[in-house]
Amino acid sequence: MTDTTIDRYIGLSDRAVHDDSALDELLTLFAPDAIVRLGPEPVRGSAAIAAFYRAHFATFADSRHYWNTTVLEDGTLRAEWAAAARMADGRLMTVAGVEHAKLDGNVIADLRNEFTRLPG
């Protein structure tokens, strides 16, 4: 297992469902003007990213991610991931995808997800 910024991000995302300090730590992994392309519309900047993740994690009661990380030749971090979750309304859900993180130093400047299995 690797210990890159994207590994810390994915690991913190499971804890952030229950732990505000984990969410706060996750948010420090982003550059102030970062862009996140996970939902239908990209979000940019610290305030928008924080609002996005607070709303996103509020939809979960619990989640567990599994992933493999590769560092590409250009330095981009690539994480192939799968997750199972219990939603806040009690439904069970699985999802999978590939995330690419471009860094600015040790923080994420651009995060993009492609679903390989849509949430459901």
PDB file of N, CA and C in Angstrom:
ATOM      1  N   MET A   1       0.847  -1.188   0.000  1.00  0.00           N
ATOM      2  CA  MET A   1       0.000   0.000   0.000  1.00  0.00           C
ATOM      3  C   MET A   1       0.888   1.247   0.000  1.00  0.00           C
ATOM      4  N   THR A   2       0.433   2.248  -0.730  1.00  0.00           N
ATOM      5  CA  THR A   2       1.185   3.494  -0.819  1.00  0.00           C
ATOM      6  C   THR A   2       0.680   4.484   0.239  1.00  0.00           C
ATOM      7  N   ASP A   3       1.454   5.529   0.460  1.00  0.00           N
ATOM      8  CA  ASP A   3       1.058   6.570   1.408  1.00  0.00           C
ATOM      9  C   ASP A   3       1.172   7.924   0.701  1.00  0.00           C
ATOM     10  N   THR A   4       0.278   8.120  -0.255  1.00  0.00           N
ATOM     11  CA  THR A   4       0.271   9.360  -1.014  1.00  0.00           C
ATOM     12  C   THR A   4      -0.871  10.242  -0.517  1.00  0.00           C
ATOM     13  N   THR A   5      -0.960  11.433  -1.068  1.00  0.00           N
ATOM     14  CA  THR A   5      -2.052  12.347  -0.723  1.00  0.00           C
ATOM     15  C   THR A   5      -3.412  11.723  -1.031  1.00  0.00           C
ATOM     16  N   ILE A   6      -3.526  11.009  -2.144  1.00  0.00           N
ATOM     17  CA  ILE A   6      -4.821  10.409  -2.478  1.00  0.00           C
ATOM     18  C   ILE A   6      -5.154   9.240  -1.541  1.00  0.00           C
ATOM     19  N   ASP A   7      -4.138   8.532  -1.056  1.00  0.00           N
ATOM     20  CA  ASP A   7      -4.383   7.480  -0.060  1.00  0.00           C
ATOM     21  C   ASP A   7      -4.933   8.088   1.227  1.00  0.00           C
ATOM     22  N   ARG A   8      -4.341   9.198   1.651  1.00  0.00           N
ATOM     23  CA  ARG A   8      -4.835   9.864   2.867  1.00  0.00           C
ATOM     24  C   ARG A   8      -6.259  10.382   2.641  1.00  0.00           C
ATOM     25  N   TYR A   9      -6.515  10.935   1.463  1.00  0.00           N
ATOM     26  CA  TYR A   9      -7.846  11.447   1.122  1.00  0.00           C
ATOM     27  C   TYR A   9      -8.909  10.337   1.194  1.00  0.00           C
ATOM     28  N   ILE A  10      -8.652   9.215   0.545  1.00  0.00           N
ATOM     29  CA  ILE A  10      -9.644   8.139   0.539  1.00  0.00           C
ATOM     30  C   ILE A  10      -9.812   7.546   1.933  1.00  0.00           C
ATOM     31  N   GLY A  11      -8.718   7.346   2.650  1.00  0.00           N
ATOM     32  CA  GLY A  11      -8.806   6.824   4.019  1.00  0.00           C
ATOM     33  C   GLY A  11      -9.604   7.744   4.933  1.00  0.00           C
ATOM     34  N   LEU A  12      -9.379   9.043   4.816  1.00  0.00           N
ATOM     35  CA  LEU A  12     -10.118  10.004   5.645  1.00  0.00           C
ATOM     36  C   LEU A  12     -11.589  10.077   5.264  1.00  0.00           C
ATOM     37  N   SER A  13     -11.926   9.783   4.010  1.00  0.00           N
ATOM     38  CA  SER A  13     -13.325   9.911   3.586  1.00  0.00           C
ATOM     39  C   SER A  13     -14.237   8.954   4.350  1.00  0.00           C
ATOM     40  N   ASP A  14     -13.774   7.759   4.682  1.00  0.00           N
ATOM     41  CA  ASP A  14     -14.602   6.846   5.480  1.00  0.00           C
ATOM     42  C   ASP A  14     -14.802   7.385   6.892  1.00  0.00           C
ATOM     43  N   ARG A  15     -13.752   7.917   7.482  1.00  0.00           N
ATOM     44  CA  ARG A  15     -13.860   8.476   8.840  1.00  0.00           C
ATOM     45  C   ARG A  15     -14.685   9.752   8.868  1.00  0.00           C
ATOM     46  N   ALA A  16     -14.627  10.544   7.799  1.00  0.00           N
ATOM     47  CA  ALA A  16     -15.310  11.837   7.763  1.00  0.00           C
ATOM     48  C   ALA A  16     -16.824  11.712   7.837  1.00  0.00           C
ATOM     49  N   VAL A  17     -17.355  10.534   7.531  1.00  0.00           N
ATOM     50  CA  VAL A  17     -18.797  10.303   7.649  1.00  0.00           C
ATOM     51  C   VAL A  17     -19.249  10.528   9.096  1.00  0.00           C
ATOM     52  N   HIS A  18     -18.379  10.153  10.064  1.00  0.00           N
ATOM     53  CA  HIS A  18     -18.724  10.216  11.490  1.00  0.00           C
ATOM     54  C   HIS A  18     -17.935  11.250  12.285  1.00  0.00           C
ATOM     55  N   ASP A  19     -16.858  11.745  11.726  1.00  0.00           N
ATOM     56  CA  ASP A  19     -15.876  12.494  12.516  1.00  0.00           C
ATOM     57  C   ASP A  19     -15.545  13.818  11.830  1.00  0.00           C
ATOM     58  N   ASP A  20     -16.022  14.920  12.400  1.00  0.00           N
ATOM     59  CA  ASP A  20     -15.766  16.236  11.812  1.00  0.00           C
ATOM     60  C   ASP A  20     -14.281  16.566  11.740  1.00  0.00           C
ATOM     61  N   SER A  21     -13.479  16.057  12.683  1.00  0.00           N
ATOM     62  CA  SER A  21     -12.046  16.344  12.634  1.00  0.00           C
ATOM     63  C   SER A  21     -11.406  15.642  11.433  1.00  0.00           C
ATOM     64  N   ALA A  22     -11.912  14.477  11.046  1.00  0.00           N
ATOM     65  CA  ALA A  22     -11.409  13.794   9.848  1.00  0.00           C
ATOM     66  C   ALA A  22     -11.786  14.591   8.597  1.00  0.00           C
ATOM     67  N   LEU A  23     -12.995  15.148   8.595  1.00  0.00           N
ATOM     68  CA  LEU A  23     -13.399  15.993   7.465  1.00  0.00           C
ATOM     69  C   LEU A  23     -12.510  17.231   7.387  1.00  0.00           C
ATOM     70  N   ASP A  24     -12.258  17.861   8.519  1.00  0.00           N
ATOM     71  CA  ASP A  24     -11.372  19.034   8.530  1.00  0.00           C
ATOM     72  C   ASP A  24      -9.985  18.673   8.006  1.00  0.00           C
ATOM     73  N   GLU A  25      -9.466  17.507   8.415  1.00  0.00           N
ATOM     74  CA  GLU A  25      -8.153  17.066   7.942  1.00  0.00           C
ATOM     75  C   GLU A  25      -8.186  16.780   6.437  1.00  0.00           C
ATOM     76  N   LEU A  26      -9.260  16.139   5.963  1.00  0.00           N
ATOM     77  CA  LEU A  26      -9.417  15.865   4.533  1.00  0.00           C
ATOM     78  C   LEU A  26      -9.369  17.166   3.739  1.00  0.00           C
ATOM     79  N   LEU A  27     -10.036  18.198   4.223  1.00  0.00           N
ATOM     80  CA  LEU A  27     -10.082  19.472   3.499  1.00  0.00           C
ATOM     81  C   LEU A  27      -8.714  20.138   3.401  1.00  0.00           C
ATOM     82  N   THR A  28      -7.797  19.860   4.345  1.00  0.00           N
ATOM     83  CA  THR A  28      -6.443  20.423   4.273  1.00  0.00           C
ATOM     84  C   THR A  28      -5.620  19.802   3.156  1.00  0.00           C
ATOM     85  N   LEU A  29      -6.115  18.713   2.560  1.00  0.00           N
ATOM     86  CA  LEU A  29      -5.389  18.060   1.477  1.00  0.00           C
ATOM     87  C   LEU A  29      -5.591  18.755   0.134  1.00  0.00           C
ATOM     88  N   PHE A  30      -6.427  19.798   0.098  1.00  0.00           N
ATOM     89  CA  PHE A  30      -6.726  20.518  -1.137  1.00  0.00           C
ATOM     90  C   PHE A  30      -6.066  21.884  -1.144  1.00  0.00           C
ATOM     91  N   ALA A  31      -5.550  22.263  -2.313  1.00  0.00           N
ATOM     92  CA  ALA A  31      -5.037  23.622  -2.512  1.00  0.00           C
ATOM     93  C   ALA A  31      -6.200  24.600  -2.382  1.00  0.00           C
ATOM     94  N   PRO A  32      -5.939  25.860  -1.972  1.00  0.00           N
ATOM     95  CA  PRO A  32      -7.016  26.835  -1.786  1.00  0.00           C
ATOM     96  C   PRO A  32      -7.887  27.049  -3.027  1.00  0.00           C
ATOM     97  N   ASP A  33      -7.305  26.930  -4.211  1.00  0.00           N
ATOM     98  CA  ASP A  33      -8.065  27.150  -5.448  1.00  0.00           C
ATOM     99  C   ASP A  33      -8.294  25.843  -6.220  1.00  0.00           C
ATOM    100  N   ALA A  34      -8.276  24.718  -5.507  1.00  0.00           N
ATOM    101  CA  ALA A  34      -8.433  23.404  -6.143  1.00  0.00           C
ATOM    102  C   ALA A  34      -9.793  23.280  -6.821  1.00  0.00           C
ATOM    103  N   ILE A  35      -9.854  22.342  -7.750  1.00  0.00           N
ATOM    104  CA  ILE A  35     -11.114  21.999  -8.397  1.00  0.00           C
ATOM    105  C   ILE A  35     -11.387  20.516  -8.148  1.00  0.00           C
ATOM    106  N   VAL A  36     -12.641  20.210  -7.810  1.00  0.00           N
ATOM    107  CA  VAL A  36     -13.073  18.840  -7.543  1.00  0.00           C
ATOM    108  C   VAL A  36     -14.172  18.501  -8.538  1.00  0.00           C
ATOM    109  N   ARG A  37     -13.951  17.422  -9.281  1.00  0.00           N
ATOM    110  CA  ARG A  37     -14.900  16.978 -10.314  1.00  0.00           C
ATOM    111  C   ARG A  37     -15.438  15.601  -9.932  1.00  0.00           C
ATOM    112  N   LEU A  38     -16.259  15.543  -8.885  1.00  0.00           N
ATOM    113  CA  LEU A  38     -16.836  14.277  -8.445  1.00  0.00           C
ATOM    114  C   LEU A  38     -18.322  14.199  -8.727  1.00  0.00           C
ATOM    115  N   GLY A  39     -18.992  15.310  -8.613  1.00  0.00           N
ATOM    116  CA  GLY A  39     -20.427  15.348  -8.827  1.00  0.00           C
ATOM    117  C   GLY A  39     -20.761  15.797 -10.233  1.00  0.00           C
ATOM    118  N   PRO A  40     -22.033  16.142 -10.449  1.00  0.00           N
ATOM    119  CA  PRO A  40     -22.447  16.567 -11.786  1.00  0.00           C
ATOM    120  C   PRO A  40     -21.804  17.885 -12.224  1.00  0.00           C
ATOM    121  N   GLU A  41     -21.490  18.743 -11.276  1.00  0.00           N
ATOM    122  CA  GLU A  41     -20.847  20.024 -11.579  1.00  0.00           C
ATOM    123  C   GLU A  41     -19.538  20.132 -10.802  1.00  0.00           C
ATOM    124  N   PRO A  42     -18.468  20.614 -11.442  1.00  0.00           N
ATOM    125  CA  PRO A  42     -17.216  20.807 -10.700  1.00  0.00           C
ATOM    126  C   PRO A  42     -17.376  21.892  -9.637  1.00  0.00           C
ATOM    127  N   VAL A  43     -16.634  21.748  -8.544  1.00  0.00           N
ATOM    128  CA  VAL A  43     -16.593  22.793  -7.516  1.00  0.00           C
ATOM    129  C   VAL A  43     -15.154  23.276  -7.403  1.00  0.00           C
ATOM    130  N   ARG A  44     -15.005  24.583  -7.141  1.00  0.00           N
ATOM    131  CA  ARG A  44     -13.664  25.177  -7.085  1.00  0.00           C
ATOM    132  C   ARG A  44     -13.544  26.059  -5.849  1.00  0.00           C
ATOM    133  N   GLY A  45     -12.393  25.933  -5.202  1.00  0.00           N
ATOM    134  CA  GLY A  45     -12.075  26.787  -4.064  1.00  0.00           C
ATOM    135  C   GLY A  45     -12.465  26.164  -2.735  1.00  0.00           C
ATOM    136  N   SER A  46     -11.769  26.588  -1.702  1.00  0.00           N
ATOM    137  CA  SER A  46     -11.918  25.995  -0.371  1.00  0.00           C
ATOM    138  C   SER A  46     -13.350  25.991   0.145  1.00  0.00           C
ATOM    139  N   ALA A  47     -14.053  27.104   0.057  1.00  0.00           N
ATOM    140  CA  ALA A  47     -15.409  27.189   0.612  1.00  0.00           C
ATOM    141  C   ALA A  47     -16.366  26.254  -0.125  1.00  0.00           C
ATOM    142  N   ALA A  48     -16.304  26.239  -1.450  1.00  0.00           N
ATOM    143  CA  ALA A  48     -17.186  25.384  -2.241  1.00  0.00           C
ATOM    144  C   ALA A  48     -16.867  23.906  -2.024  1.00  0.00           C
ATOM    145  N   ILE A  49     -15.580  23.580  -1.929  1.00  0.00           N
ATOM    146  CA  ILE A  49     -15.177  22.189  -1.693  1.00  0.00           C
ATOM    147  C   ILE A  49     -15.643  21.736  -0.318  1.00  0.00           C
ATOM    148  N   ALA A  50     -15.489  22.581   0.701  1.00  0.00           N
ATOM    149  CA  ALA A  50     -15.954  22.227   2.051  1.00  0.00           C
ATOM    150  C   ALA A  50     -17.461  22.001   2.057  1.00  0.00           C
ATOM    151  N   ALA A  51     -18.216  22.872   1.416  1.00  0.00           N
ATOM    152  CA  ALA A  51     -19.675  22.722   1.361  1.00  0.00           C
ATOM    153  C   ALA A  51     -20.053  21.442   0.627  1.00  0.00           C
ATOM    154  N   PHE A  52     -19.369  21.142  -0.475  1.00  0.00           N
ATOM    155  CA  PHE A  52     -19.641  19.925  -1.232  1.00  0.00           C
ATOM    156  C   PHE A  52     -19.441  18.690  -0.352  1.00  0.00           C
ATOM    157  N   TYR A  53     -18.283  18.596   0.314  1.00  0.00           N
ATOM    158  CA  TYR A  53     -18.002  17.401   1.112  1.00  0.00           C
ATOM    159  C   TYR A  53     -18.907  17.296   2.343  1.00  0.00           C
ATOM    160  N   ARG A  54     -19.230  18.408   2.983  1.00  0.00           N
ATOM    161  CA  ARG A  54     -20.166  18.343   4.119  1.00  0.00           C
ATOM    162  C   ARG A  54     -21.514  17.779   3.676  1.00  0.00           C
ATOM    163  N   ALA A  55     -22.029  18.237   2.541  1.00  0.00           N
ATOM    164  CA  ALA A  55     -23.307  17.722   2.021  1.00  0.00           C
ATOM    165  C   ALA A  55     -23.166  16.263   1.589  1.00  0.00           C
ATOM    166  N   HIS A  56     -22.066  15.940   0.941  1.00  0.00           N
ATOM    167  CA  HIS A  56     -21.836  14.574   0.455  1.00  0.00           C
ATOM    168  C   HIS A  56     -21.794  13.578   1.619  1.00  0.00           C
ATOM    169  N   PHE A  57     -20.980  13.859   2.619  1.00  0.00           N
ATOM    170  CA  PHE A  57     -20.832  12.911   3.731  1.00  0.00           C
ATOM    171  C   PHE A  57     -22.100  12.817   4.577  1.00  0.00           C
ATOM    172  N   ALA A  58     -22.923  13.836   4.579  1.00  0.00           N
ATOM    173  CA  ALA A  58     -24.182  13.803   5.344  1.00  0.00           C
ATOM    174  C   ALA A  58     -25.165  12.783   4.772  1.00  0.00           C
ATOM    175  N   THR A  59     -24.954  12.336   3.535  1.00  0.00           N
ATOM    176  CA  THR A  59     -25.866  11.352   2.938  1.00  0.00           C
ATOM    177  C   THR A  59     -25.553   9.929   3.377  1.00  0.00           C
ATOM    178  N   PHE A  60     -24.436   9.734   4.088  1.00  0.00           N
ATOM    179  CA  PHE A  60     -23.998   8.398   4.502  1.00  0.00           C
ATOM    180  C   PHE A  60     -24.194   8.166   6.000  1.00  0.00           C
ATOM    181  N   ALA A  61     -24.496   6.912   6.352  1.00  0.00           N
ATOM    182  CA  ALA A  61     -24.454   6.487   7.749  1.00  0.00           C
ATOM    183  C   ALA A  61     -23.117   5.805   8.027  1.00  0.00           C
ATOM    184  N   ASP A  62     -22.557   5.145   7.002  1.00  0.00           N
ATOM    185  CA  ASP A  62     -21.268   4.467   7.133  1.00  0.00           C
ATOM    186  C   ASP A  62     -20.757   4.141   5.735  1.00  0.00           C
ATOM    187  N   SER A  63     -19.445   4.063   5.575  1.00  0.00           N
ATOM    188  CA  SER A  63     -18.883   3.664   4.282  1.00  0.00           C
ATOM    189  C   SER A  63     -17.530   3.009   4.487  1.00  0.00           C
ATOM    190  N   ARG A  64     -17.141   2.211   3.493  1.00  0.00           N
ATOM    191  CA  ARG A  64     -15.827   1.556   3.522  1.00  0.00           C
ATOM    192  C   ARG A  64     -15.296   1.490   2.095  1.00  0.00           C
ATOM    193  N   HIS A  65     -14.127   2.082   1.888  1.00  0.00           N
ATOM    194  CA  HIS A  65     -13.457   2.101   0.587  1.00  0.00           C
ATOM    195  C   HIS A  65     -12.286   1.105   0.565  1.00  0.00           C
ATOM    196  N   TYR A  66     -12.044   0.558  -0.602  1.00  0.00           N
ATOM    197  CA  TYR A  66     -10.852  -0.247  -0.901  1.00  0.00           C
ATOM    198  C   TYR A  66     -10.274   0.331  -2.185  1.00  0.00           C
ATOM    199  N   TRP A  67      -8.957   0.424  -2.259  1.00  0.00           N
ATOM    200  CA  TRP A  67      -8.361   1.080  -3.429  1.00  0.00           C
ATOM    201  C   TRP A  67      -6.921   0.652  -3.635  1.00  0.00           C
ATOM    202  N   ASN A  68      -6.467   0.876  -4.852  1.00  0.00           N
ATOM    203  CA  ASN A  68      -5.070   0.695  -5.246  1.00  0.00           C
ATOM    204  C   ASN A  68      -4.620   1.984  -5.912  1.00  0.00           C
ATOM    205  N   THR A  69      -3.448   2.467  -5.508  1.00  0.00           N
ATOM    206  CA  THR A  69      -2.924   3.727  -6.029  1.00  0.00           C
ATOM    207  C   THR A  69      -1.711   3.482  -6.912  1.00  0.00           C
ATOM    208  N   THR A  70      -1.665   4.228  -8.000  1.00  0.00           N
ATOM    209  CA  THR A  70      -0.513   4.224  -8.903  1.00  0.00           C
ATOM    210  C   THR A  70      -0.081   5.675  -9.093  1.00  0.00           C
ATOM    211  N   VAL A  71       1.226   5.899  -9.094  1.00  0.00           N
ATOM    212  CA  VAL A  71       1.763   7.220  -9.429  1.00  0.00           C
ATOM    213  C   VAL A  71       2.141   7.173 -10.907  1.00  0.00           C
ATOM    214  N   LEU A  72       1.461   7.982 -11.716  1.00  0.00           N
ATOM    215  CA  LEU A  72       1.725   8.000 -13.149  1.00  0.00           C
ATOM    216  C   LEU A  72       3.012   8.761 -13.458  1.00  0.00           C
ATOM    217  N   GLU A  73       3.515   8.586 -14.656  1.00  0.00           N
ATOM    218  CA  GLU A  73       4.798   9.205 -15.032  1.00  0.00           C
ATOM    219  C   GLU A  73       4.813  10.713 -14.870  1.00  0.00           C
ATOM    220  N   ASP A  74       3.655  11.367 -15.088  1.00  0.00           N
ATOM    221  CA  ASP A  74       3.599  12.831 -14.962  1.00  0.00           C
ATOM    222  C   ASP A  74       3.375  13.283 -13.516  1.00  0.00           C
ATOM    223  N   GLY A  75       3.360  12.339 -12.567  1.00  0.00           N
ATOM    224  CA  GLY A  75       3.166  12.675 -11.160  1.00  0.00           C
ATOM    225  C   GLY A  75       1.720  12.625 -10.707  1.00  0.00           C
ATOM    226  N   THR A  76       0.779  12.484 -11.650  1.00  0.00           N
ATOM    227  CA  THR A  76      -0.632  12.354 -11.283  1.00  0.00           C
ATOM    228  C   THR A  76      -0.829  11.083 -10.463  1.00  0.00           C
ATOM    229  N   LEU A  77      -1.639  11.177  -9.423  1.00  0.00           N
ATOM    230  CA  LEU A  77      -1.982  10.008  -8.614  1.00  0.00           C
ATOM    231  C   LEU A  77      -3.258   9.404  -9.173  1.00  0.00           C
ATOM    232  N   ARG A  78      -3.260   8.094  -9.388  1.00  0.00           N
ATOM    233  CA  ARG A  78      -4.418   7.381  -9.917  1.00  0.00           C
ATOM    234  C   ARG A  78      -4.828   6.336  -8.889  1.00  0.00           C
ATOM    235  N   ALA A  79      -6.090   6.404  -8.461  1.00  0.00           N
ATOM    236  CA  ALA A  79      -6.603   5.436  -7.488  1.00  0.00           C
ATOM    237  C   ALA A  79      -7.817   4.731  -8.076  1.00  0.00           C
ATOM    238  N   GLU A  80      -7.689   3.423  -8.250  1.00  0.00           N
ATOM    239  CA  GLU A  80      -8.828   2.605  -8.632  1.00  0.00           C
ATOM    240  C   GLU A  80      -9.485   2.164  -7.328  1.00  0.00           C
ATOM    241  N   TRP A  81     -10.801   2.417  -7.171  1.00  0.00           N
ATOM    242  CA  TRP A  81     -11.434   2.219  -5.876  1.00  0.00           C
ATOM    243  C   TRP A  81     -12.816   1.570  -6.016  1.00  0.00           C
ATOM    244  N   ALA A  82     -13.241   0.966  -4.912  1.00  0.00           N
ATOM    245  CA  ALA A  82     -14.595   0.432  -4.780  1.00  0.00           C
ATOM    246  C   ALA A  82     -15.035   0.712  -3.357  1.00  0.00           C
ATOM    247  N   ALA A  83     -16.342   0.905  -3.175  1.00  0.00           N
ATOM    248  CA  ALA A  83     -16.856   1.207  -1.840  1.00  0.00           C
ATOM    249  C   ALA A  83     -18.218   0.563  -1.641  1.00  0.00           C
ATOM    250  N   ALA A  84     -18.481   0.249  -0.397  1.00  0.00           N
ATOM    251  CA  ALA A  84     -19.813  -0.188   0.035  1.00  0.00           C
ATOM    252  C   ALA A  84     -20.235   0.771   1.136  1.00  0.00           C
ATOM    253  N   ALA A  85     -21.529   1.091   1.164  1.00  0.00           N
ATOM    254  CA  ALA A  85     -21.992   2.073   2.142  1.00  0.00           C
ATOM    255  C   ALA A  85     -23.420   1.781   2.568  1.00  0.00           C
ATOM    256  N   ARG A  86     -23.718   2.242   3.782  1.00  0.00           N
ATOM    257  CA  ARG A  86     -25.095   2.334   4.251  1.00  0.00           C
ATOM    258  C   ARG A  86     -25.425   3.818   4.212  1.00  0.00           C
ATOM    259  N   MET A  87     -26.487   4.134   3.496  1.00  0.00           N
ATOM    260  CA  MET A  87     -26.880   5.525   3.347  1.00  0.00           C
ATOM    261  C   MET A  87     -27.608   5.993   4.612  1.00  0.00           C
ATOM    262  N   ALA A  88     -27.750   7.297   4.767  1.00  0.00           N
ATOM    263  CA  ALA A  88     -28.410   7.862   5.948  1.00  0.00           C
ATOM    264  C   ALA A  88     -29.844   7.358   6.085  1.00  0.00           C
ATOM    265  N   ASP A  89     -30.485   7.015   4.946  1.00  0.00           N
ATOM    266  CA  ASP A  89     -31.859   6.510   4.998  1.00  0.00           C
ATOM    267  C   ASP A  89     -31.930   4.992   5.181  1.00  0.00           C
ATOM    268  N   GLY A  90     -30.767   4.328   5.363  1.00  0.00           N
ATOM    269  CA  GLY A  90     -30.724   2.900   5.621  1.00  0.00           C
ATOM    270  C   GLY A  90     -30.464   2.027   4.407  1.00  0.00           C
ATOM    271  N   ARG A  91     -30.605   2.577   3.192  1.00  0.00           N
ATOM    272  CA  ARG A  91     -30.326   1.785   1.993  1.00  0.00           C
ATOM    273  C   ARG A  91     -28.855   1.381   1.943  1.00  0.00           C
ATOM    274  N   LEU A  92     -28.582   0.240   1.311  1.00  0.00           N
ATOM    275  CA  LEU A  92     -27.211  -0.185   1.051  1.00  0.00           C
ATOM    276  C   LEU A  92     -26.843   0.222  -0.367  1.00  0.00           C
ATOM    277  N   MET A  93     -25.562   0.541  -0.570  1.00  0.00           N
ATOM    278  CA  MET A  93     -25.119   1.038  -1.857  1.00  0.00           C
ATOM    279  C   MET A  93     -23.698   0.558  -2.122  1.00  0.00           C
ATOM    280  N   THR A  94     -23.395   0.256  -3.377  1.00  0.00           N
ATOM    281  CA  THR A  94     -22.026  -0.006  -3.810  1.00  0.00           C
ATOM    282  C   THR A  94     -21.712   0.929  -4.971  1.00  0.00           C
ATOM    283  N   VAL A  95     -20.433   1.203  -5.140  1.00  0.00           N
ATOM    284  CA  VAL A  95     -19.987   2.121  -6.178  1.00  0.00           C
ATOM    285  C   VAL A  95     -18.500   1.860  -6.415  1.00  0.00           C
ATOM    286  N   ALA A  96     -18.019   2.171  -7.615  1.00  0.00           N
ATOM    287  CA  ALA A  96     -16.589   2.019  -7.912  1.00  0.00           C
ATOM    288  C   ALA A  96     -16.184   3.062  -8.942  1.00  0.00           C
ATOM    289  N   GLY A  97     -14.892   3.319  -8.993  1.00  0.00           N
ATOM    290  CA  GLY A  97     -14.415   4.286  -9.966  1.00  0.00           C
ATOM    291  C   GLY A  97     -12.909   4.396  -9.988  1.00  0.00           C
ATOM    292  N   VAL A  98     -12.458   5.390 -10.734  1.00  0.00           N
ATOM    293  CA  VAL A  98     -11.041   5.724 -10.822  1.00  0.00           C
ATOM    294  C   VAL A  98     -10.925   7.222 -10.591  1.00  0.00           C
ATOM    295  N   GLU A  99     -10.092   7.597  -9.636  1.00  0.00           N
ATOM    296  CA  GLU A  99      -9.850   9.015  -9.368  1.00  0.00           C
ATOM    297  C   GLU A  99      -8.437   9.375  -9.794  1.00  0.00           C
ATOM    298  N   HIS A 100      -8.315  10.563 -10.350  1.00  0.00           N
ATOM    299  CA  HIS A 100      -7.016  11.118 -10.728  1.00  0.00           C
ATOM    300  C   HIS A 100      -6.820  12.406  -9.946  1.00  0.00           C
ATOM    301  N   ALA A 101      -5.702  12.513  -9.258  1.00  0.00           N
ATOM    302  CA  ALA A 101      -5.386  13.721  -8.494  1.00  0.00           C
ATOM    303  C   ALA A 101      -4.095  14.325  -9.025  1.00  0.00           C
ATOM    304  N   LYS A 102      -4.193  15.580  -9.485  1.00  0.00           N
ATOM    305  CA  LYS A 102      -2.999  16.347  -9.852  1.00  0.00           C
ATOM    306  C   LYS A 102      -2.639  17.185  -8.642  1.00  0.00           C
ATOM    307  N   LEU A 103      -1.370  17.166  -8.282  1.00  0.00           N
ATOM    308  CA  LEU A 103      -0.920  17.841  -7.071  1.00  0.00           C
ATOM    309  C   LEU A 103      -0.240  19.167  -7.369  1.00  0.00           C
ATOM    310  N   ASP A 104      -0.297  20.026  -6.363  1.00  0.00           N
ATOM    311  CA  ASP A 104       0.487  21.247  -6.311  1.00  0.00           C
ATOM    312  C   ASP A 104       1.300  21.100  -5.028  1.00  0.00           C
ATOM    313  N   GLY A 105       2.528  20.651  -5.158  1.00  0.00           N
ATOM    314  CA  GLY A 105       3.297  20.278  -3.966  1.00  0.00           C
ATOM    315  C   GLY A 105       2.710  18.994  -3.400  1.00  0.00           C
ATOM    316  N   ASN A 106       2.273  19.045  -2.144  1.00  0.00           N
ATOM    317  CA  ASN A 106       1.677  17.868  -1.499  1.00  0.00           C
ATOM    318  C   ASN A 106       0.169  17.956  -1.375  1.00  0.00           C
ATOM    319  N   VAL A 107      -0.455  18.958  -1.995  1.00  0.00           N
ATOM    320  CA  VAL A 107      -1.910  19.107  -1.897  1.00  0.00           C
ATOM    321  C   VAL A 107      -2.548  18.932  -3.279  1.00  0.00           C
ATOM    322  N   ILE A 108      -3.815  18.557  -3.273  1.00  0.00           N
ATOM    323  CA  ILE A 108      -4.543  18.287  -4.503  1.00  0.00           C
ATOM    324  C   ILE A 108      -4.971  19.602  -5.148  1.00  0.00           C
ATOM    325  N   ALA A 109      -4.590  19.772  -6.410  1.00  0.00           N
ATOM    326  CA  ALA A 109      -5.001  20.949  -7.178  1.00  0.00           C
ATOM    327  C   ALA A 109      -6.207  20.630  -8.054  1.00  0.00           C
ATOM    328  N   ASP A 110      -6.304  19.374  -8.500  1.00  0.00           N
ATOM    329  CA  ASP A 110      -7.386  18.957  -9.387  1.00  0.00           C
ATOM    330  C   ASP A 110      -7.691  17.488  -9.102  1.00  0.00           C
ATOM    331  N   LEU A 111      -8.936  17.201  -8.741  1.00  0.00           N
ATOM    332  CA  LEU A 111      -9.377  15.830  -8.453  1.00  0.00           C
ATOM    333  C   LEU A 111     -10.528  15.508  -9.388  1.00  0.00           C
ATOM    334  N   ARG A 112     -10.377  14.409 -10.127  1.00  0.00           N
ATOM    335  CA  ARG A 112     -11.387  14.007 -11.107  1.00  0.00           C
ATOM    336  C   ARG A 112     -11.734  12.547 -10.897  1.00  0.00           C
ATOM    337  N   ASN A 113     -13.024  12.226 -10.905  1.00  0.00           N
ATOM    338  CA  ASN A 113     -13.493  10.855 -10.757  1.00  0.00           C
ATOM    339  C   ASN A 113     -14.203  10.401 -12.018  1.00  0.00           C
ATOM    340  N   GLU A 114     -13.997   9.147 -12.364  1.00  0.00           N
ATOM    341  CA  GLU A 114     -14.752   8.470 -13.417  1.00  0.00           C
ATOM    342  C   GLU A 114     -15.354   7.226 -12.772  1.00  0.00           C
ATOM    343  N   PHE A 115     -16.680   7.119 -12.763  1.00  0.00           N
ATOM    344  CA  PHE A 115     -17.316   5.935 -12.200  1.00  0.00           C
ATOM    345  C   PHE A 115     -17.164   4.757 -13.143  1.00  0.00           C
ATOM    346  N   THR A 116     -16.782   3.600 -12.589  1.00  0.00           N
ATOM    347  CA  THR A 116     -16.785   2.350 -13.336  1.00  0.00           C
ATOM    348  C   THR A 116     -17.998   1.515 -12.929  1.00  0.00           C
ATOM    349  N   ARG A 117     -18.591   1.834 -11.796  1.00  0.00           N
ATOM    350  CA  ARG A 117     -19.871   1.284 -11.356  1.00  0.00           C
ATOM    351  C   ARG A 117     -20.614   2.430 -10.710  1.00  0.00           C
ATOM    352  N   LEU A 118     -21.730   2.831 -11.307  1.00  0.00           N
ATOM    353  CA  LEU A 118     -22.510   3.950 -10.774  1.00  0.00           C
ATOM    354  C   LEU A 118     -23.083   3.601  -9.404  1.00  0.00           C
ATOM    355  N   PRO A 119     -23.281   4.607  -8.546  1.00  0.00           N
ATOM    356  CA  PRO A 119     -23.848   4.341  -7.220  1.00  0.00           C
ATOM    357  C   PRO A 119     -25.205   3.652  -7.347  1.00  0.00           C
ATOM    358  N   GLY A 120     -25.382   2.620  -6.538  1.00  0.00           N
ATOM    359  CA  GLY A 120     -26.659   1.918  -6.559  1.00  0.00           C
ATOM    360  C   GLY A 120     -26.621   0.629  -5.800  1.00  0.00           C
TER     361      GLY A 120
END
